[in-house]
Amino acid sequence: MSAIELVVGKGHFLPADERSKQKLRDQGFGLGEIVHARIDRPRNPAFMRKAHALGRLCRENIEGFEPLTDHEALKRLQYEAGISCEMMSAKIPGAGMVEIRVPKSINFADMDDAEFADLYQGIVKHLATQYWPTLDAKEVEGMAEFAIND
């Protein structure tokens, strides 16, 4: 089921618009029925655009990033920096048990704004340290801001 937008009332939630009301009707919930729900604040799409602009900046300026999409560049940086990643163990023939870093999804439904902000800041710091050591994290972030309007 796709997300239903709700508005916070005093001690309750209300459907935000007619589309959300219809989605609730379509689910066939009975009055007084208990349901499980996950409540999240929607992520700011402008922040995702800024992150993808950073990915494009990397594709255009870092050797080895050229064949990647903006999103793939972000995922690679997420992996390299080890930010918002889960560690898993896997048995590899000839090597035995190894730890594998698996980046979490940055999908709007899977990562809230706070975690995404931490991820973004970690990527910016990683870029300043590993790829552009003459810049600090604020300057790298400024380049991404500039790239949005490019």
N, C-alpha and C. Protein backbone atom coordinates (compact mmCIF):
# COMPACT_ATOMS: atom_id res chain seq x y z
N MET A 1 0.85 -1.18 0.00
CA MET A 1 0.00 0.00 0.00
C MET A 1 0.89 1.24 0.00
N SER A 2 0.58 2.20 -0.83
CA SER A 2 1.34 3.44 -0.85
C SER A 2 0.99 4.26 0.39
N ALA A 3 1.83 5.23 0.68
CA ALA A 3 1.67 6.04 1.88
C ALA A 3 0.38 6.85 1.84
N ILE A 4 -0.20 7.02 2.99
CA ILE A 4 -1.38 7.87 3.16
C ILE A 4 -0.92 9.06 3.98
N GLU A 5 -1.15 10.26 3.45
CA GLU A 5 -0.75 11.46 4.17
C GLU A 5 -1.78 11.81 5.23
N LEU A 6 -1.26 12.09 6.43
CA LEU A 6 -2.12 12.43 7.56
C LEU A 6 -1.74 13.79 8.12
N VAL A 7 -2.70 14.43 8.75
CA VAL A 7 -2.49 15.70 9.44
C VAL A 7 -2.66 15.42 10.93
N VAL A 8 -1.78 16.00 11.75
CA VAL A 8 -1.85 15.80 13.19
C VAL A 8 -2.93 16.70 13.77
N GLY A 9 -3.86 16.09 14.52
CA GLY A 9 -4.87 16.83 15.26
C GLY A 9 -4.54 16.73 16.74
N LYS A 10 -5.44 17.14 17.61
CA LYS A 10 -5.22 17.00 19.05
C LYS A 10 -5.44 15.55 19.45
N GLY A 11 -4.36 14.82 19.60
CA GLY A 11 -4.46 13.43 20.02
C GLY A 11 -4.91 12.46 18.95
N HIS A 12 -4.87 12.87 17.69
CA HIS A 12 -5.30 11.97 16.62
C HIS A 12 -4.71 12.42 15.27
N PHE A 13 -4.89 11.60 14.26
CA PHE A 13 -4.48 11.93 12.90
C PHE A 13 -5.70 11.97 12.00
N LEU A 14 -5.69 12.86 11.02
CA LEU A 14 -6.77 12.98 10.05
C LEU A 14 -6.19 12.84 8.64
N PRO A 15 -6.95 12.29 7.70
CA PRO A 15 -6.46 12.24 6.32
C PRO A 15 -6.17 13.67 5.84
N ALA A 16 -5.07 13.85 5.14
CA ALA A 16 -4.63 15.18 4.72
C ALA A 16 -5.43 15.72 3.54
N ASP A 17 -6.01 14.83 2.71
CA ASP A 17 -6.70 15.27 1.52
C ASP A 17 -7.67 14.18 1.05
N GLU A 18 -8.41 14.47 -0.01
CA GLU A 18 -9.39 13.50 -0.52
C GLU A 18 -8.73 12.20 -0.99
N ARG A 19 -7.57 12.30 -1.59
CA ARG A 19 -6.86 11.11 -2.06
C ARG A 19 -6.55 10.18 -0.88
N SER A 20 -6.09 10.76 0.22
CA SER A 20 -5.79 9.95 1.40
C SER A 20 -7.05 9.35 2.01
N LYS A 21 -8.14 10.12 2.02
CA LYS A 21 -9.41 9.59 2.52
C LYS A 21 -9.85 8.39 1.69
N GLN A 22 -9.75 8.52 0.37
CA GLN A 22 -10.16 7.43 -0.52
C GLN A 22 -9.28 6.19 -0.31
N LYS A 23 -8.00 6.39 -0.12
CA LYS A 23 -7.10 5.26 0.13
C LYS A 23 -7.51 4.51 1.40
N LEU A 24 -7.89 5.25 2.42
CA LEU A 24 -8.34 4.63 3.66
C LEU A 24 -9.64 3.86 3.43
N ARG A 25 -10.57 4.44 2.70
CA ARG A 25 -11.83 3.75 2.38
C ARG A 25 -11.56 2.46 1.62
N ASP A 26 -10.64 2.54 0.66
CA ASP A 26 -10.31 1.39 -0.19
C ASP A 26 -9.75 0.22 0.63
N GLN A 27 -9.17 0.51 1.77
CA GLN A 27 -8.60 -0.55 2.61
C GLN A 27 -9.68 -1.33 3.36
N GLY A 28 -10.87 -0.76 3.47
CA GLY A 28 -11.98 -1.45 4.09
C GLY A 28 -11.86 -1.59 5.61
N PHE A 29 -11.20 -0.65 6.25
CA PHE A 29 -11.09 -0.71 7.71
C PHE A 29 -12.45 -0.49 8.35
N GLY A 30 -12.74 -1.26 9.41
CA GLY A 30 -13.98 -1.09 10.16
C GLY A 30 -13.80 -0.06 11.26
N LEU A 31 -14.85 0.67 11.58
CA LEU A 31 -14.81 1.67 12.63
C LEU A 31 -14.39 1.02 13.94
N GLY A 32 -13.40 1.56 14.60
CA GLY A 32 -12.91 1.03 15.86
C GLY A 32 -11.91 -0.12 15.71
N GLU A 33 -11.65 -0.52 14.48
CA GLU A 33 -10.70 -1.61 14.23
C GLU A 33 -9.28 -1.17 14.60
N ILE A 34 -8.53 -2.07 15.20
CA ILE A 34 -7.13 -1.79 15.54
C ILE A 34 -6.25 -2.19 14.35
N VAL A 35 -5.38 -1.28 13.95
CA VAL A 35 -4.45 -1.54 12.85
C VAL A 35 -3.04 -1.17 13.29
N HIS A 36 -2.05 -1.70 12.60
CA HIS A 36 -0.66 -1.32 12.83
C HIS A 36 -0.27 -0.31 11.77
N ALA A 37 0.46 0.71 12.16
CA ALA A 37 0.87 1.73 11.20
C ALA A 37 2.26 2.23 11.58
N ARG A 38 2.99 2.64 10.59
CA ARG A 38 4.30 3.26 10.80
C ARG A 38 4.13 4.73 10.44
N ILE A 39 4.44 5.63 11.36
CA ILE A 39 4.27 7.05 11.14
C ILE A 39 5.65 7.67 10.89
N ASP A 40 5.82 8.32 9.76
CA ASP A 40 7.06 9.00 9.40
C ASP A 40 6.74 10.38 8.89
N ARG A 41 7.67 11.29 9.09
CA ARG A 41 7.56 12.59 8.45
C ARG A 41 8.09 12.44 7.03
N PRO A 42 7.45 13.05 6.05
CA PRO A 42 7.95 12.93 4.69
C PRO A 42 9.30 13.63 4.55
N ARG A 43 10.16 13.06 3.72
CA ARG A 43 11.47 13.65 3.49
C ARG A 43 11.35 14.83 2.54
N ASN A 44 12.25 15.74 2.69
CA ASN A 44 12.30 16.92 1.86
C ASN A 44 12.90 16.56 0.50
N PRO A 45 12.12 16.63 -0.58
CA PRO A 45 12.64 16.26 -1.91
C PRO A 45 13.81 17.15 -2.35
N ALA A 46 13.85 18.39 -1.87
CA ALA A 46 14.96 19.28 -2.24
C ALA A 46 16.29 18.73 -1.73
N PHE A 47 16.26 18.08 -0.58
CA PHE A 47 17.49 17.51 -0.02
C PHE A 47 17.97 16.35 -0.89
N MET A 48 17.04 15.55 -1.42
CA MET A 48 17.42 14.45 -2.30
C MET A 48 18.01 15.00 -3.60
N ARG A 49 17.44 16.08 -4.11
CA ARG A 49 17.99 16.70 -5.32
C ARG A 49 19.41 17.18 -5.08
N LYS A 50 19.65 17.75 -3.91
CA LYS A 50 20.99 18.23 -3.56
C LYS A 50 21.96 17.05 -3.49
N ALA A 51 21.53 15.95 -2.91
CA ALA A 51 22.40 14.76 -2.82
C ALA A 51 22.71 14.22 -4.22
N HIS A 52 21.70 14.17 -5.09
CA HIS A 52 21.94 13.69 -6.44
C HIS A 52 22.83 14.65 -7.24
N ALA A 53 22.74 15.94 -6.94
CA ALA A 53 23.65 16.91 -7.57
C ALA A 53 25.09 16.61 -7.13
N LEU A 54 25.24 16.22 -5.88
CA LEU A 54 26.57 15.83 -5.39
C LEU A 54 27.06 14.58 -6.13
N GLY A 55 26.16 13.63 -6.36
CA GLY A 55 26.52 12.44 -7.13
C GLY A 55 26.97 12.80 -8.54
N ARG A 56 26.26 13.73 -9.17
CA ARG A 56 26.63 14.19 -10.52
C ARG A 56 27.99 14.87 -10.50
N LEU A 57 28.23 15.68 -9.49
CA LEU A 57 29.52 16.36 -9.33
C LEU A 57 30.66 15.34 -9.28
N CYS A 58 30.42 14.25 -8.57
CA CYS A 58 31.44 13.19 -8.46
C CYS A 58 31.64 12.50 -9.81
N ARG A 59 30.54 12.20 -10.50
CA ARG A 59 30.64 11.55 -11.82
C ARG A 59 31.45 12.39 -12.78
N GLU A 60 31.27 13.70 -12.70
CA GLU A 60 31.93 14.61 -13.63
C GLU A 60 33.36 14.96 -13.25
N ASN A 61 33.75 14.68 -11.99
CA ASN A 61 35.06 15.17 -11.53
C ASN A 61 35.96 14.14 -10.85
N ILE A 62 35.49 12.91 -10.67
CA ILE A 62 36.32 11.90 -10.01
C ILE A 62 36.50 10.72 -10.95
N GLU A 63 37.75 10.37 -11.19
CA GLU A 63 38.06 9.25 -12.06
C GLU A 63 37.45 7.96 -11.49
N GLY A 64 36.82 7.20 -12.37
CA GLY A 64 36.18 5.95 -11.97
C GLY A 64 34.70 6.09 -11.68
N PHE A 65 34.22 7.31 -11.52
CA PHE A 65 32.80 7.55 -11.25
C PHE A 65 32.02 7.83 -12.54
N GLU A 66 32.73 8.03 -13.65
CA GLU A 66 32.09 8.44 -14.91
C GLU A 66 30.95 7.52 -15.37
N PRO A 67 31.09 6.21 -15.30
CA PRO A 67 30.01 5.36 -15.83
C PRO A 67 28.79 5.23 -14.90
N LEU A 68 28.87 5.77 -13.71
CA LEU A 68 27.79 5.61 -12.73
C LEU A 68 26.68 6.63 -12.96
N THR A 69 25.48 6.29 -12.51
CA THR A 69 24.41 7.28 -12.44
C THR A 69 24.65 8.12 -11.19
N ASP A 70 23.94 9.22 -11.06
CA ASP A 70 24.07 10.06 -9.86
C ASP A 70 23.78 9.23 -8.61
N HIS A 71 22.72 8.43 -8.68
CA HIS A 71 22.32 7.59 -7.55
C HIS A 71 23.39 6.54 -7.24
N GLU A 72 23.93 5.90 -8.26
CA GLU A 72 24.98 4.89 -8.05
C GLU A 72 26.22 5.53 -7.43
N ALA A 73 26.53 6.77 -7.82
CA ALA A 73 27.67 7.47 -7.22
C ALA A 73 27.43 7.67 -5.72
N LEU A 74 26.20 8.08 -5.36
CA LEU A 74 25.88 8.24 -3.93
C LEU A 74 26.02 6.92 -3.18
N LYS A 75 25.49 5.84 -3.78
CA LYS A 75 25.56 4.53 -3.12
C LYS A 75 27.02 4.09 -2.95
N ARG A 76 27.85 4.34 -3.96
CA ARG A 76 29.27 3.99 -3.85
C ARG A 76 29.93 4.77 -2.72
N LEU A 77 29.64 6.05 -2.63
CA LEU A 77 30.20 6.87 -1.56
C LEU A 77 29.68 6.43 -0.20
N GLN A 78 28.41 6.06 -0.14
CA GLN A 78 27.83 5.53 1.11
C GLN A 78 28.60 4.29 1.54
N TYR A 79 28.86 3.40 0.59
CA TYR A 79 29.60 2.17 0.88
C TYR A 79 31.03 2.49 1.32
N GLU A 80 31.72 3.33 0.54
CA GLU A 80 33.11 3.66 0.86
C GLU A 80 33.24 4.26 2.25
N ALA A 81 32.33 5.17 2.59
CA ALA A 81 32.39 5.85 3.88
C ALA A 81 31.88 4.99 5.02
N GLY A 82 31.14 3.93 4.69
CA GLY A 82 30.59 3.05 5.72
C GLY A 82 29.49 3.70 6.53
N ILE A 83 28.76 4.62 5.92
CA ILE A 83 27.71 5.35 6.61
C ILE A 83 26.36 4.76 6.24
N SER A 84 25.52 4.57 7.24
CA SER A 84 24.19 3.97 7.03
C SER A 84 24.32 2.64 6.29
N CYS A 85 25.22 1.84 6.80
CA CYS A 85 25.45 0.50 6.24
C CYS A 85 25.22 -0.55 7.33
N GLU A 86 24.83 -1.73 6.90
CA GLU A 86 24.72 -2.86 7.80
C GLU A 86 25.87 -3.80 7.51
N MET A 87 26.39 -4.44 8.54
CA MET A 87 27.47 -5.41 8.36
C MET A 87 26.86 -6.81 8.37
N MET A 88 27.30 -7.60 7.41
CA MET A 88 26.83 -8.98 7.32
C MET A 88 28.05 -9.89 7.19
N SER A 89 27.93 -11.10 7.65
CA SER A 89 28.98 -12.09 7.48
C SER A 89 28.59 -13.02 6.35
N ALA A 90 29.58 -13.39 5.55
CA ALA A 90 29.34 -14.31 4.44
C ALA A 90 30.53 -15.25 4.33
N LYS A 91 30.25 -16.48 3.93
CA LYS A 91 31.31 -17.46 3.73
C LYS A 91 31.70 -17.44 2.26
N ILE A 92 32.96 -17.16 2.01
CA ILE A 92 33.47 -17.09 0.65
C ILE A 92 34.48 -18.21 0.46
N PRO A 93 34.28 -19.06 -0.55
CA PRO A 93 35.21 -20.17 -0.78
C PRO A 93 36.65 -19.66 -0.92
N GLY A 94 37.53 -20.28 -0.18
CA GLY A 94 38.94 -19.91 -0.22
C GLY A 94 39.31 -18.79 0.73
N ALA A 95 38.31 -18.06 1.23
CA ALA A 95 38.60 -16.95 2.13
C ALA A 95 37.96 -17.15 3.50
N GLY A 96 36.99 -18.04 3.58
CA GLY A 96 36.30 -18.26 4.85
C GLY A 96 35.24 -17.20 5.10
N MET A 97 35.00 -16.93 6.37
CA MET A 97 33.99 -15.94 6.75
C MET A 97 34.57 -14.54 6.59
N VAL A 98 33.82 -13.68 5.92
CA VAL A 98 34.23 -12.29 5.75
C VAL A 98 33.07 -11.37 6.11
N GLU A 99 33.42 -10.18 6.52
CA GLU A 99 32.42 -9.15 6.81
C GLU A 99 32.13 -8.39 5.52
N ILE A 100 30.87 -8.18 5.23
CA ILE A 100 30.45 -7.46 4.04
C ILE A 100 29.63 -6.25 4.48
N ARG A 101 29.95 -5.11 3.92
CA ARG A 101 29.23 -3.87 4.21
C ARG A 101 28.12 -3.72 3.18
N VAL A 102 26.88 -3.57 3.65
CA VAL A 102 25.73 -3.43 2.76
C VAL A 102 25.05 -2.09 3.04
N PRO A 103 25.11 -1.15 2.07
CA PRO A 103 24.46 0.15 2.28
C PRO A 103 22.94 0.00 2.42
N LYS A 104 22.37 0.74 3.37
CA LYS A 104 20.92 0.76 3.52
C LYS A 104 20.30 1.54 2.37
N SER A 105 19.04 1.27 2.13
CA SER A 105 18.30 1.99 1.10
C SER A 105 18.15 3.45 1.50
N ILE A 106 18.30 4.34 0.51
CA ILE A 106 18.06 5.76 0.78
C ILE A 106 16.70 6.19 0.25
N ASN A 107 15.87 5.21 -0.08
CA ASN A 107 14.51 5.46 -0.54
C ASN A 107 13.76 6.30 0.50
N PHE A 108 12.89 7.18 0.03
CA PHE A 108 12.12 8.04 0.94
C PHE A 108 11.38 7.25 2.01
N ALA A 109 10.87 6.07 1.65
CA ALA A 109 10.09 5.28 2.61
C ALA A 109 10.98 4.53 3.59
N ASP A 110 12.27 4.40 3.29
CA ASP A 110 13.15 3.58 4.12
C ASP A 110 14.10 4.37 5.02
N MET A 111 14.28 5.66 4.75
CA MET A 111 15.23 6.45 5.53
C MET A 111 14.62 7.82 5.80
N ASP A 112 14.56 8.20 7.08
CA ASP A 112 13.97 9.49 7.41
C ASP A 112 14.97 10.63 7.18
N ASP A 113 14.49 11.86 7.32
CA ASP A 113 15.32 13.04 7.06
C ASP A 113 16.56 13.10 7.93
N ALA A 114 16.43 12.76 9.20
CA ALA A 114 17.57 12.85 10.12
C ALA A 114 18.67 11.88 9.71
N GLU A 115 18.30 10.64 9.40
CA GLU A 115 19.31 9.66 8.99
C GLU A 115 19.90 10.05 7.63
N PHE A 116 19.07 10.57 6.74
CA PHE A 116 19.57 10.99 5.43
C PHE A 116 20.53 12.16 5.59
N ALA A 117 20.23 13.09 6.50
CA ALA A 117 21.13 14.23 6.76
C ALA A 117 22.48 13.73 7.28
N ASP A 118 22.46 12.74 8.18
CA ASP A 118 23.71 12.16 8.68
C ASP A 118 24.49 11.50 7.55
N LEU A 119 23.77 10.77 6.69
CA LEU A 119 24.40 10.12 5.55
C LEU A 119 25.05 11.17 4.64
N TYR A 120 24.31 12.21 4.32
CA TYR A 120 24.81 13.26 3.43
C TYR A 120 26.07 13.91 4.02
N GLN A 121 26.01 14.27 5.29
CA GLN A 121 27.17 14.90 5.93
C GLN A 121 28.38 13.96 5.94
N GLY A 122 28.13 12.67 6.17
CA GLY A 122 29.22 11.70 6.16
C GLY A 122 29.85 11.57 4.78
N ILE A 123 29.01 11.61 3.74
CA ILE A 123 29.53 11.53 2.37
C ILE A 123 30.35 12.77 2.04
N VAL A 124 29.87 13.94 2.44
CA VAL A 124 30.58 15.20 2.20
C VAL A 124 31.95 15.15 2.89
N LYS A 125 32.00 14.69 4.13
CA LYS A 125 33.28 14.58 4.85
C LYS A 125 34.21 13.57 4.17
N HIS A 126 33.63 12.47 3.72
CA HIS A 126 34.42 11.44 3.02
C HIS A 126 35.02 12.01 1.74
N LEU A 127 34.23 12.76 0.98
CA LEU A 127 34.73 13.37 -0.25
C LEU A 127 35.88 14.34 0.05
N ALA A 128 35.72 15.15 1.09
CA ALA A 128 36.77 16.11 1.43
C ALA A 128 38.04 15.39 1.86
N THR A 129 37.92 14.31 2.56
CA THR A 129 39.08 13.57 3.06
C THR A 129 39.75 12.74 1.97
N GLN A 130 38.94 11.99 1.22
CA GLN A 130 39.49 11.01 0.29
C GLN A 130 39.72 11.52 -1.13
N TYR A 131 38.89 12.41 -1.61
CA TYR A 131 38.96 12.80 -3.01
C TYR A 131 39.39 14.25 -3.24
N TRP A 132 38.98 15.14 -2.35
CA TRP A 132 39.30 16.55 -2.50
C TRP A 132 39.92 17.09 -1.20
N PRO A 133 41.12 16.61 -0.85
CA PRO A 133 41.73 16.99 0.43
C PRO A 133 42.08 18.47 0.56
N THR A 134 42.06 19.21 -0.54
CA THR A 134 42.32 20.65 -0.44
C THR A 134 41.06 21.42 -0.03
N LEU A 135 39.93 20.72 0.03
CA LEU A 135 38.66 21.33 0.43
C LEU A 135 38.22 20.80 1.79
N ASP A 136 37.45 21.59 2.51
CA ASP A 136 36.84 21.06 3.72
C ASP A 136 35.39 20.66 3.40
N ALA A 137 34.73 20.04 4.35
CA ALA A 137 33.38 19.53 4.13
C ALA A 137 32.41 20.64 3.72
N LYS A 138 32.53 21.82 4.31
CA LYS A 138 31.63 22.94 3.97
C LYS A 138 31.81 23.36 2.51
N GLU A 139 33.06 23.36 2.03
CA GLU A 139 33.31 23.74 0.64
C GLU A 139 32.74 22.70 -0.33
N VAL A 140 32.86 21.42 0.03
CA VAL A 140 32.28 20.36 -0.81
C VAL A 140 30.76 20.52 -0.84
N GLU A 141 30.17 20.80 0.30
CA GLU A 141 28.73 21.00 0.35
C GLU A 141 28.32 22.21 -0.49
N GLY A 142 29.13 23.25 -0.47
CA GLY A 142 28.87 24.43 -1.28
C GLY A 142 28.90 24.12 -2.77
N MET A 143 29.82 23.23 -3.16
CA MET A 143 29.89 22.81 -4.57
C MET A 143 28.60 22.10 -4.97
N ALA A 144 28.07 21.28 -4.08
CA ALA A 144 26.81 20.57 -4.36
C ALA A 144 25.67 21.56 -4.50
N GLU A 145 25.63 22.56 -3.63
CA GLU A 145 24.59 23.61 -3.71
C GLU A 145 24.66 24.31 -5.06
N PHE A 146 25.87 24.61 -5.49
CA PHE A 146 26.07 25.27 -6.78
C PHE A 146 25.64 24.37 -7.92
N ALA A 147 25.93 23.08 -7.81
CA ALA A 147 25.62 22.12 -8.87
C ALA A 147 24.11 21.93 -9.06
N ILE A 148 23.31 22.18 -8.05
CA ILE A 148 21.86 22.05 -8.17
C ILE A 148 21.35 23.02 -9.23
N ASN A 149 21.89 24.21 -9.22
CA ASN A 149 21.43 25.24 -10.15
C ASN A 149 22.12 25.19 -11.50
N ASP A 150 23.01 24.27 -11.66
CA ASP A 150 23.79 24.15 -12.89
C ASP A 150 23.02 23.50 -14.00
